[in-house]
Amino acid sequence: MKKQIAFVLVLVLALSAVGCGRQVQAGDVAGKSYVYEKEGFGGDFTITIGEDGSFQYYEGLLSSYIGNGTWQLDEDVLILTEDAQAGRDAVNRFKVRGGALVFQEENSGNFLYVKVADGERFAETDAPGPDRP
């Protein structure tokens, strides 16, 4: 009997924890910058998510290319769609996990100079540094 009660209690706790999962909101990513966990192209690889639905990325000091476009959320996936008029029409996807963006290689076009592998992270940063735009 004690085993059954313990099992039911664990089951109830597990189900309530699943129901408490908070959906990612635009405010969780908007107005923030994220830095790649590895070396960029001669400096920090930074992605900045605008509050107006735009984004910008800069792969590092050796890159003259600044990617930009629009972003949207699909549940916990941040989708960055580059502006095709700027020369690239890549789409990149990231899982939003706490203060980080986790790259999802499947259905992503990747970047110009730095090839990000599946599961690699971009951590939220407080403010742009000396080698960040």
Protein backbone atom coordinates (compact mmCIF):
# COMPACT_ATOMS: atom_id res chain seq x y z
CA MET A 1 0.00 0.00 0.00
CA LYS A 2 2.81 2.41 0.87
CA LYS A 3 4.42 1.72 -2.51
CA GLN A 4 1.17 2.54 -4.30
CA ILE A 5 0.76 5.81 -2.41
CA ALA A 6 4.36 6.78 -3.11
CA PHE A 7 3.90 5.96 -6.81
CA VAL A 8 0.71 8.04 -7.04
CA LEU A 9 2.41 10.95 -5.27
CA VAL A 10 5.41 10.86 -7.65
CA LEU A 11 3.04 10.65 -10.63
CA VAL A 12 1.01 13.65 -9.45
CA LEU A 13 4.17 15.70 -8.87
CA ALA A 14 5.53 14.80 -12.31
CA LEU A 15 2.28 15.72 -14.04
CA SER A 16 2.01 19.02 -12.18
CA ALA A 17 5.60 19.90 -13.13
CA VAL A 18 4.79 19.33 -16.81
CA GLY A 19 1.79 21.63 -16.53
CA CYS A 20 3.91 24.39 -14.98
CA GLY A 21 6.20 24.76 -17.99
CA ARG A 22 6.14 28.39 -19.07
CA GLN A 23 5.85 29.14 -22.78
CA VAL A 24 8.61 31.30 -24.26
CA GLN A 25 7.38 34.87 -24.79
CA ALA A 26 8.72 37.58 -27.11
CA GLY A 27 9.93 39.52 -24.05
CA ASP A 28 12.19 36.59 -23.14
CA VAL A 29 14.41 37.27 -26.19
CA ALA A 30 13.55 40.74 -27.49
CA GLY A 31 16.00 43.54 -26.75
CA LYS A 32 18.82 41.12 -25.90
CA SER A 33 22.18 40.17 -27.37
CA TYR A 34 23.70 36.70 -27.46
CA VAL A 35 27.36 35.67 -27.93
CA TYR A 36 28.50 32.39 -29.50
CA GLU A 37 30.14 29.98 -27.06
CA LYS A 38 33.08 29.48 -29.43
CA GLU A 39 35.32 31.89 -31.28
CA GLY A 40 33.68 33.88 -34.04
CA PHE A 41 35.38 35.05 -37.23
CA GLY A 42 38.17 37.02 -35.56
CA GLY A 43 36.18 38.04 -32.46
CA ASP A 44 32.80 37.58 -30.82
CA PHE A 45 29.96 36.26 -32.97
CA THR A 46 26.97 38.23 -31.71
CA ILE A 47 23.24 38.02 -32.43
CA THR A 48 21.04 40.93 -31.33
CA ILE A 49 17.27 40.45 -31.17
CA GLY A 50 15.36 43.70 -31.62
CA GLU A 51 12.17 44.58 -29.82
CA ASP A 52 10.67 45.62 -33.16
CA GLY A 53 10.81 42.11 -34.66
CA SER A 54 14.17 42.60 -36.36
CA PHE A 55 17.52 40.95 -35.67
CA GLN A 56 21.12 41.54 -36.57
CA TYR A 57 24.19 39.34 -36.38
CA TYR A 58 27.88 39.98 -36.73
CA GLU A 59 30.20 36.98 -37.06
CA GLY A 60 33.33 38.78 -35.83
CA LEU A 61 35.91 41.48 -36.52
CA LEU A 62 37.17 39.83 -39.73
CA SER A 63 33.71 39.85 -41.30
CA SER A 64 32.39 42.84 -43.21
CA TYR A 65 28.97 41.16 -43.46
CA ILE A 66 26.24 42.13 -41.01
CA GLY A 67 23.26 39.83 -41.28
CA ASN A 68 19.79 41.17 -40.60
CA GLY A 69 16.16 40.31 -41.02
CA THR A 70 13.13 39.44 -38.96
CA TRP A 71 12.49 36.98 -36.15
CA GLN A 72 9.51 35.07 -34.81
CA LEU A 73 8.80 32.51 -32.12
CA ASP A 74 7.23 29.12 -32.76
CA GLU A 75 6.63 27.83 -29.22
CA ASP A 76 10.19 27.60 -27.81
CA VAL A 77 11.97 27.96 -31.18
CA LEU A 78 13.36 31.33 -32.28
CA ILE A 79 13.35 31.57 -36.09
CA LEU A 80 15.67 34.12 -37.71
CA THR A 81 14.86 34.89 -41.36
CA GLU A 82 17.48 36.94 -43.18
CA ASP A 83 16.45 39.75 -45.49
CA ALA A 84 16.74 38.33 -49.02
CA GLN A 85 17.30 41.84 -50.39
CA ALA A 86 20.56 41.98 -48.42
CA GLY A 87 21.92 39.08 -50.45
CA ARG A 88 21.12 36.04 -48.29
CA ASP A 89 17.83 34.37 -47.63
CA ALA A 90 18.95 31.96 -44.91
CA VAL A 91 16.68 30.84 -42.09
CA ASN A 92 18.21 29.73 -38.78
CA ARG A 93 16.45 28.14 -35.82
CA PHE A 94 17.33 28.16 -32.13
CA LYS A 95 15.71 26.58 -29.07
CA VAL A 96 15.31 29.19 -26.35
CA ARG A 97 16.72 27.73 -23.13
CA GLY A 98 16.91 30.10 -20.19
CA GLY A 99 19.47 32.76 -21.05
CA ALA A 100 20.73 30.97 -24.17
CA LEU A 101 19.89 30.21 -27.78
CA VAL A 102 20.68 26.62 -28.78
CA PHE A 103 21.28 26.16 -32.52
CA GLN A 104 19.01 23.69 -34.33
CA GLU A 105 20.89 22.54 -37.41
CA GLU A 106 17.91 20.75 -38.95
CA ASN A 107 16.04 23.13 -41.29
CA SER A 108 18.63 25.87 -40.72
CA GLY A 109 20.79 27.45 -43.42
CA ASN A 110 23.69 28.27 -41.08
CA PHE A 111 25.87 31.36 -41.36
CA LEU A 112 28.32 32.83 -43.86
CA TYR A 113 31.79 32.48 -42.23
CA VAL A 114 31.18 30.52 -39.03
CA LYS A 115 29.48 27.14 -39.33
CA VAL A 116 27.58 26.52 -36.11
CA ALA A 117 27.01 22.88 -35.17
CA ASP A 118 23.77 21.44 -33.86
CA GLY A 119 23.36 22.10 -30.13
CA GLU A 120 25.97 24.86 -29.89
CA ARG A 121 24.94 27.80 -27.76
CA PHE A 122 24.78 31.57 -27.84
CA ALA A 123 24.69 32.92 -24.28
CA GLU A 124 22.88 36.09 -23.32
CA THR A 125 25.26 38.98 -22.75
CA ASP A 126 24.73 42.11 -20.66
CA ALA A 127 25.91 44.67 -23.18
CA PRO A 128 27.97 44.92 -26.35
CA GLY A 129 31.71 44.83 -25.68
CA PRO A 130 34.60 46.48 -27.52
CA ASP A 131 34.60 43.93 -30.36
CA ARG A 132 30.80 43.64 -30.63
CA PRO A 133 28.57 45.90 -32.72
